[in-house]
Amino acid sequence: MAQSGKGRLNYRCPSCFMRDLDIDMFYDKEKEEYYCIRCQYTGSEEDVLEKNEMARFRYRRMLDRITNFDDE
């Protein structure tokens, strides 16, 4: 999903991303936090980055071709 404006980078909402929705978060300068317009998630930049790393764990092998299914 393209970034919807100039300025600070918009991150994906971790709550929506865990449900396979690709929703950009918006930044509130007054509160200095990111928020999602779909699910009411709010958090600091550090919180959003931490939760997005947890979401990346889900897709870590997506581009790998798995040919051996033995657990050896």
PDB file of N, CA and C in Angstrom:
ATOM      1  N   MET A   1       0.858  -1.170   0.000  1.00  0.00           N
ATOM      2  CA  MET A   1       0.000   0.000   0.000  1.00  0.00           C
ATOM      3  C   MET A   1       0.899   1.226   0.000  1.00  0.00           C
ATOM      4  N   ALA A   2       0.574   2.181  -0.822  1.00  0.00           N
ATOM      5  CA  ALA A   2       1.400   3.375  -0.942  1.00  0.00           C
ATOM      6  C   ALA A   2       1.207   4.292   0.259  1.00  0.00           C
ATOM      7  N   GLN A   3       2.259   5.015   0.549  1.00  0.00           N
ATOM      8  CA  GLN A   3       2.178   5.992   1.645  1.00  0.00           C
ATOM      9  C   GLN A   3       1.270   7.134   1.216  1.00  0.00           C
ATOM     10  N   SER A   4       0.398   7.569   2.083  1.00  0.00           N
ATOM     11  CA  SER A   4      -0.640   8.520   1.710  1.00  0.00           C
ATOM     12  C   SER A   4      -0.273   9.976   1.957  1.00  0.00           C
ATOM     13  N   GLY A   5       0.962  10.328   1.906  1.00  0.00           N
ATOM     14  CA  GLY A   5       1.329  11.723   2.087  1.00  0.00           C
ATOM     15  C   GLY A   5       2.804  11.876   2.348  1.00  0.00           C
ATOM     16  N   LYS A   6       3.239  13.106   2.373  1.00  0.00           N
ATOM     17  CA  LYS A   6       4.652  13.365   2.644  1.00  0.00           C
ATOM     18  C   LYS A   6       4.845  13.587   4.133  1.00  0.00           C
ATOM     19  N   GLY A   7       6.065  13.502   4.573  1.00  0.00           N
ATOM     20  CA  GLY A   7       6.346  13.686   5.985  1.00  0.00           C
ATOM     21  C   GLY A   7       6.782  12.373   6.609  1.00  0.00           C
ATOM     22  N   ARG A   8       6.337  12.144   7.841  1.00  0.00           N
ATOM     23  CA  ARG A   8       6.723  10.927   8.552  1.00  0.00           C
ATOM     24  C   ARG A   8       6.209   9.692   7.824  1.00  0.00           C
ATOM     25  N   LEU A   9       6.985   8.620   7.912  1.00  0.00           N
ATOM     26  CA  LEU A   9       6.624   7.366   7.256  1.00  0.00           C
ATOM     27  C   LEU A   9       5.426   6.740   7.957  1.00  0.00           C
ATOM     28  N   ASN A  10       4.463   6.321   7.189  1.00  0.00           N
ATOM     29  CA  ASN A  10       3.306   5.619   7.756  1.00  0.00           C
ATOM     30  C   ASN A  10       3.638   4.136   7.887  1.00  0.00           C
ATOM     31  N   TYR A  11       3.346   3.578   9.046  1.00  0.00           N
ATOM     32  CA  TYR A  11       3.576   2.162   9.297  1.00  0.00           C
ATOM     33  C   TYR A  11       2.276   1.396   9.133  1.00  0.00           C
ATOM     34  N   ARG A  12       2.396   0.077   8.960  1.00  0.00           N
ATOM     35  CA  ARG A  12       1.216  -0.773   8.934  1.00  0.00           C
ATOM     36  C   ARG A  12       0.687  -0.941  10.349  1.00  0.00           C
ATOM     37  N   CYS A  13      -0.622  -1.000  10.468  1.00  0.00           N
ATOM     38  CA  CYS A  13      -1.228  -1.250  11.772  1.00  0.00           C
ATOM     39  C   CYS A  13      -0.969  -2.702  12.160  1.00  0.00           C
ATOM     40  N   PRO A  14      -0.307  -2.952  13.293  1.00  0.00           N
ATOM     41  CA  PRO A  14       0.006  -4.338  13.671  1.00  0.00           C
ATOM     42  C   PRO A  14      -1.240  -5.167  13.959  1.00  0.00           C
ATOM     43  N   SER A  15      -2.249  -4.557  14.530  1.00  0.00           N
ATOM     44  CA  SER A  15      -3.476  -5.287  14.850  1.00  0.00           C
ATOM     45  C   SER A  15      -4.195  -5.732  13.580  1.00  0.00           C
ATOM     46  N   CYS A  16      -4.308  -4.835  12.619  1.00  0.00           N
ATOM     47  CA  CYS A  16      -4.959  -5.180  11.346  1.00  0.00           C
ATOM     48  C   CYS A  16      -4.095  -6.145  10.534  1.00  0.00           C
ATOM     49  N   PHE A  17      -2.778  -5.959  10.578  1.00  0.00           N
ATOM     50  CA  PHE A  17      -1.879  -6.803   9.798  1.00  0.00           C
ATOM     51  C   PHE A  17      -1.926  -8.259  10.269  1.00  0.00           C
ATOM     52  N   MET A  18      -2.136  -8.470  11.565  1.00  0.00           N
ATOM     53  CA  MET A  18      -2.276  -9.837  12.083  1.00  0.00           C
ATOM     54  C   MET A  18      -3.540 -10.512  11.547  1.00  0.00           C
ATOM     55  N   ARG A  19      -4.492  -9.716  11.093  1.00  0.00           N
ATOM     56  CA  ARG A  19      -5.723 -10.257  10.498  1.00  0.00           C
ATOM     57  C   ARG A  19      -5.687 -10.166   8.981  1.00  0.00           C
ATOM     58  N   ASP A  20      -4.470 -10.067   8.421  1.00  0.00           N
ATOM     59  CA  ASP A  20      -4.244 -10.021   6.976  1.00  0.00           C
ATOM     60  C   ASP A  20      -4.882  -8.821   6.302  1.00  0.00           C
ATOM     61  N   LEU A  21      -4.923  -7.688   7.003  1.00  0.00           N
ATOM     62  CA  LEU A  21      -5.382  -6.430   6.419  1.00  0.00           C
ATOM     63  C   LEU A  21      -4.193  -5.482   6.352  1.00  0.00           C
ATOM     64  N   ASP A  22      -3.996  -4.882   5.223  1.00  0.00           N
ATOM     65  CA  ASP A  22      -2.851  -3.990   5.035  1.00  0.00           C
ATOM     66  C   ASP A  22      -3.333  -2.547   5.157  1.00  0.00           C
ATOM     67  N   ILE A  23      -3.358  -2.035   6.385  1.00  0.00           N
ATOM     68  CA  ILE A  23      -3.872  -0.707   6.668  1.00  0.00           C
ATOM     69  C   ILE A  23      -2.723   0.182   7.163  1.00  0.00           C
ATOM     70  N   ASP A  24      -2.569   1.338   6.529  1.00  0.00           N
ATOM     71  CA  ASP A  24      -1.561   2.299   6.985  1.00  0.00           C
ATOM     72  C   ASP A  24      -2.042   3.005   8.244  1.00  0.00           C
ATOM     73  N   MET A  25      -1.092   3.311   9.110  1.00  0.00           N
ATOM     74  CA  MET A  25      -1.394   4.098  10.298  1.00  0.00           C
ATOM     75  C   MET A  25      -1.092   5.563  10.014  1.00  0.00           C
ATOM     76  N   PHE A  26      -1.712   6.437  10.755  1.00  0.00           N
ATOM     77  CA  PHE A  26      -1.488   7.867  10.618  1.00  0.00           C
ATOM     78  C   PHE A  26      -0.828   8.387  11.884  1.00  0.00           C
ATOM     79  N   TYR A  27      -0.133   9.501  11.757  1.00  0.00           N
ATOM     80  CA  TYR A  27       0.626  10.057  12.870  1.00  0.00           C
ATOM     81  C   TYR A  27      -0.076  11.297  13.400  1.00  0.00           C
ATOM     82  N   ASP A  28      -0.257  11.349  14.723  1.00  0.00           N
ATOM     83  CA  ASP A  28      -0.842  12.506  15.392  1.00  0.00           C
ATOM     84  C   ASP A  28       0.296  13.289  16.034  1.00  0.00           C
ATOM     85  N   LYS A  29       0.575  14.474  15.503  1.00  0.00           N
ATOM     86  CA  LYS A  29       1.708  15.267  15.995  1.00  0.00           C
ATOM     87  C   LYS A  29       1.477  15.745  17.425  1.00  0.00           C
ATOM     88  N   GLU A  30       0.252  16.076  17.777  1.00  0.00           N
ATOM     89  CA  GLU A  30      -0.033  16.587  19.125  1.00  0.00           C
ATOM     90  C   GLU A  30       0.213  15.538  20.198  1.00  0.00           C
ATOM     91  N   LYS A  31      -0.231  14.312  19.950  1.00  0.00           N
ATOM     92  CA  LYS A  31      -0.060  13.235  20.932  1.00  0.00           C
ATOM     93  C   LYS A  31       1.235  12.462  20.727  1.00  0.00           C
ATOM     94  N   GLU A  32       1.912  12.715  19.601  1.00  0.00           N
ATOM     95  CA  GLU A  32       3.147  12.012  19.240  1.00  0.00           C
ATOM     96  C   GLU A  32       2.958  10.503  19.250  1.00  0.00           C
ATOM     97  N   GLU A  33       1.889  10.040  18.575  1.00  0.00           N
ATOM     98  CA  GLU A  33       1.631   8.610  18.478  1.00  0.00           C
ATOM     99  C   GLU A  33       0.969   8.297  17.144  1.00  0.00           C
ATOM    100  N   TYR A  34       1.054   7.038  16.775  1.00  0.00           N
ATOM    101  CA  TYR A  34       0.420   6.558  15.557  1.00  0.00           C
ATOM    102  C   TYR A  34      -0.949   5.993  15.910  1.00  0.00           C
ATOM    103  N   TYR A  35      -1.893   6.080  14.953  1.00  0.00           N
ATOM    104  CA  TYR A  35      -3.222   5.542  15.188  1.00  0.00           C
ATOM    105  C   TYR A  35      -3.770   4.921  13.905  1.00  0.00           C
ATOM    106  N   CYS A  36      -4.672   3.972  14.070  1.00  0.00           N
ATOM    107  CA  CYS A  36      -5.322   3.294  12.954  1.00  0.00           C
ATOM    108  C   CYS A  36      -6.768   3.758  12.886  1.00  0.00           C
ATOM    109  N   ILE A  37      -7.221   4.106  11.689  1.00  0.00           N
ATOM    110  CA  ILE A  37      -8.595   4.574  11.553  1.00  0.00           C
ATOM    111  C   ILE A  37      -9.585   3.419  11.445  1.00  0.00           C
ATOM    112  N   ARG A  38      -9.088   2.190  11.326  1.00  0.00           N
ATOM    113  CA  ARG A  38      -9.988   1.056  11.178  1.00  0.00           C
ATOM    114  C   ARG A  38     -10.276   0.349  12.506  1.00  0.00           C
ATOM    115  N   CYS A  39      -9.275   0.224  13.360  1.00  0.00           N
ATOM    116  CA  CYS A  39      -9.454  -0.608  14.554  1.00  0.00           C
ATOM    117  C   CYS A  39      -9.180   0.108  15.878  1.00  0.00           C
ATOM    118  N   GLN A  40      -8.943   1.377  15.874  1.00  0.00           N
ATOM    119  CA  GLN A  40      -8.671   2.177  17.075  1.00  0.00           C
ATOM    120  C   GLN A  40      -7.368   1.826  17.778  1.00  0.00           C
ATOM    121  N   TYR A  41      -6.423   1.167  17.115  1.00  0.00           N
ATOM    122  CA  TYR A  41      -5.117   0.895  17.710  1.00  0.00           C
ATOM    123  C   TYR A  41      -4.327   2.201  17.744  1.00  0.00           C
ATOM    124  N   THR A  42      -3.666   2.468  18.865  1.00  0.00           N
ATOM    125  CA  THR A  42      -2.760   3.608  18.981  1.00  0.00           C
ATOM    126  C   THR A  42      -1.480   3.136  19.652  1.00  0.00           C
ATOM    127  N   GLY A  43      -0.366   3.785  19.318  1.00  0.00           N
ATOM    128  CA  GLY A  43       0.891   3.428  19.952  1.00  0.00           C
ATOM    129  C   GLY A  43       2.019   4.323  19.506  1.00  0.00           C
ATOM    130  N   SER A  44       3.073   4.310  20.301  1.00  0.00           N
ATOM    131  CA  SER A  44       4.268   5.077  19.958  1.00  0.00           C
ATOM    132  C   SER A  44       4.981   4.393  18.791  1.00  0.00           C
ATOM    133  N   GLU A  45       5.959   5.078  18.229  1.00  0.00           N
ATOM    134  CA  GLU A  45       6.706   4.506  17.111  1.00  0.00           C
ATOM    135  C   GLU A  45       7.417   3.219  17.532  1.00  0.00           C
ATOM    136  N   GLU A  46       7.978   3.213  18.744  1.00  0.00           N
ATOM    137  CA  GLU A  46       8.669   2.021  19.238  1.00  0.00           C
ATOM    138  C   GLU A  46       7.704   0.849  19.392  1.00  0.00           C
ATOM    139  N   ASP A  47       6.500   1.118  19.903  1.00  0.00           N
ATOM    140  CA  ASP A  47       5.486   0.073  20.090  1.00  0.00           C
ATOM    141  C   ASP A  47       5.045  -0.499  18.748  1.00  0.00           C
ATOM    142  N   VAL A  48       4.838   0.359  17.773  1.00  0.00           N
ATOM    143  CA  VAL A  48       4.416  -0.085  16.443  1.00  0.00           C
ATOM    144  C   VAL A  48       5.503  -0.926  15.794  1.00  0.00           C
ATOM    145  N   LEU A  49       6.749  -0.473  15.877  1.00  0.00           N
ATOM    146  CA  LEU A  49       7.862  -1.230  15.289  1.00  0.00           C
ATOM    147  C   LEU A  49       8.021  -2.590  15.950  1.00  0.00           C
ATOM    148  N   GLU A  50       7.885  -2.643  17.269  1.00  0.00           N
ATOM    149  CA  GLU A  50       8.008  -3.909  17.999  1.00  0.00           C
ATOM    150  C   GLU A  50       6.921  -4.895  17.572  1.00  0.00           C
ATOM    151  N   LYS A  51       5.706  -4.433  17.468  1.00  0.00           N
ATOM    152  CA  LYS A  51       4.594  -5.316  17.090  1.00  0.00           C
ATOM    153  C   LYS A  51       4.664  -5.702  15.610  1.00  0.00           C
ATOM    154  N   ASN A  52       5.196  -4.834  14.765  1.00  0.00           N
ATOM    155  CA  ASN A  52       5.369  -5.201  13.358  1.00  0.00           C
ATOM    156  C   ASN A  52       6.442  -6.270  13.203  1.00  0.00           C
ATOM    157  N   GLU A  53       7.461  -6.269  14.052  1.00  0.00           N
ATOM    158  CA  GLU A  53       8.460  -7.345  14.032  1.00  0.00           C
ATOM    159  C   GLU A  53       7.817  -8.677  14.391  1.00  0.00           C
ATOM    160  N   MET A  54       6.890  -8.673  15.340  1.00  0.00           N
ATOM    161  CA  MET A  54       6.183  -9.906  15.701  1.00  0.00           C
ATOM    162  C   MET A  54       5.351 -10.390  14.518  1.00  0.00           C
ATOM    163  N   ALA A  55       4.770  -9.489  13.753  1.00  0.00           N
ATOM    164  CA  ALA A  55       3.978  -9.871  12.578  1.00  0.00           C
ATOM    165  C   ALA A  55       4.878 -10.449  11.492  1.00  0.00           C
ATOM    166  N   ARG A  56       6.093  -9.924  11.354  1.00  0.00           N
ATOM    167  CA  ARG A  56       7.015 -10.452  10.345  1.00  0.00           C
ATOM    168  C   ARG A  56       7.417 -11.888  10.648  1.00  0.00           C
ATOM    169  N   PHE A  57       7.377 -12.279  11.912  1.00  0.00           N
ATOM    170  CA  PHE A  57       7.678 -13.660  12.294  1.00  0.00           C
ATOM    171  C   PHE A  57       6.729 -14.620  11.580  1.00  0.00           C
ATOM    172  N   ARG A  58       5.507 -14.206  11.394  1.00  0.00           N
ATOM    173  CA  ARG A  58       4.496 -15.045  10.747  1.00  0.00           C
ATOM    174  C   ARG A  58       4.866 -15.346   9.291  1.00  0.00           C
ATOM    175  N   TYR A  59       5.497 -14.394   8.612  1.00  0.00           N
ATOM    176  CA  TYR A  59       5.784 -14.530   7.190  1.00  0.00           C
ATOM    177  C   TYR A  59       7.263 -14.755   6.895  1.00  0.00           C
ATOM    178  N   ARG A  60       8.046 -15.176   7.875  1.00  0.00           N
ATOM    179  CA  ARG A  60       9.495 -15.258   7.710  1.00  0.00           C
ATOM    180  C   ARG A  60       9.923 -16.238   6.626  1.00  0.00           C
ATOM    181  N   ARG A  61       9.171 -17.293   6.351  1.00  0.00           N
ATOM    182  CA  ARG A  61       9.549 -18.307   5.357  1.00  0.00           C
ATOM    183  C   ARG A  61       8.722 -18.207   4.083  1.00  0.00           C
ATOM    184  N   MET A  62       8.021 -17.112   3.890  1.00  0.00           N
ATOM    185  CA  MET A  62       7.104 -16.989   2.767  1.00  0.00           C
ATOM    186  C   MET A  62       7.810 -17.110   1.414  1.00  0.00           C
ATOM    187  N   LEU A  63       9.002 -16.577   1.284  1.00  0.00           N
ATOM    188  CA  LEU A  63       9.700 -16.603   0.001  1.00  0.00           C
ATOM    189  C   LEU A  63      10.638 -17.799  -0.147  1.00  0.00           C
ATOM    190  N   ASP A  64      10.748 -18.632   0.890  1.00  0.00           N
ATOM    191  CA  ASP A  64      11.606 -19.818   0.818  1.00  0.00           C
ATOM    192  C   ASP A  64      10.858 -20.964   0.146  1.00  0.00           C
ATOM    193  N   ARG A  65      11.562 -21.680  -0.712  1.00  0.00           N
ATOM    194  CA  ARG A  65      10.981 -22.876  -1.308  1.00  0.00           C
ATOM    195  C   ARG A  65      11.336 -24.069  -0.418  1.00  0.00           C
ATOM    196  N   ILE A  66      10.346 -24.673   0.184  1.00  0.00           N
ATOM    197  CA  ILE A  66      10.566 -25.785   1.096  1.00  0.00           C
ATOM    198  C   ILE A  66      10.365 -27.091   0.343  1.00  0.00           C
ATOM    199  N   THR A  67      11.422 -27.891   0.286  1.00  0.00           N
ATOM    200  CA  THR A  67      11.347 -29.156  -0.447  1.00  0.00           C
ATOM    201  C   THR A  67      11.516 -30.360   0.478  1.00  0.00           C
ATOM    202  N   ASN A  68      12.060 -30.135   1.678  1.00  0.00           N
ATOM    203  CA  ASN A  68      12.280 -31.230   2.607  1.00  0.00           C
ATOM    204  C   ASN A  68      11.351 -31.037   3.802  1.00  0.00           C
ATOM    205  N   PHE A  69      10.456 -31.997   4.003  1.00  0.00           N
ATOM    206  CA  PHE A  69       9.480 -31.874   5.083  1.00  0.00           C
ATOM    207  C   PHE A  69       9.830 -32.782   6.272  1.00  0.00           C
ATOM    208  N   ASP A  70      11.010 -33.381   6.247  1.00  0.00           N
ATOM    209  CA  ASP A  70      11.460 -34.210   7.366  1.00  0.00           C
ATOM    210  C   ASP A  70      11.987 -33.299   8.467  1.00  0.00           C
ATOM    211  N   ASP A  71      11.815 -33.703   9.713  1.00  0.00           N
ATOM    212  CA  ASP A  71      12.270 -32.893  10.859  1.00  0.00           C
ATOM    213  C   ASP A  71      13.703 -33.221  11.262  1.00  0.00           C
ATOM    214  N   GLU A  72      14.470 -33.843  10.415  1.00  0.00           N
ATOM    215  CA  GLU A  72      15.824 -34.263  10.760  1.00  0.00           C
ATOM    216  C   GLU A  72      16.781 -33.149  10.655  1.00  0.00           C
TER     217      GLU A  72
END
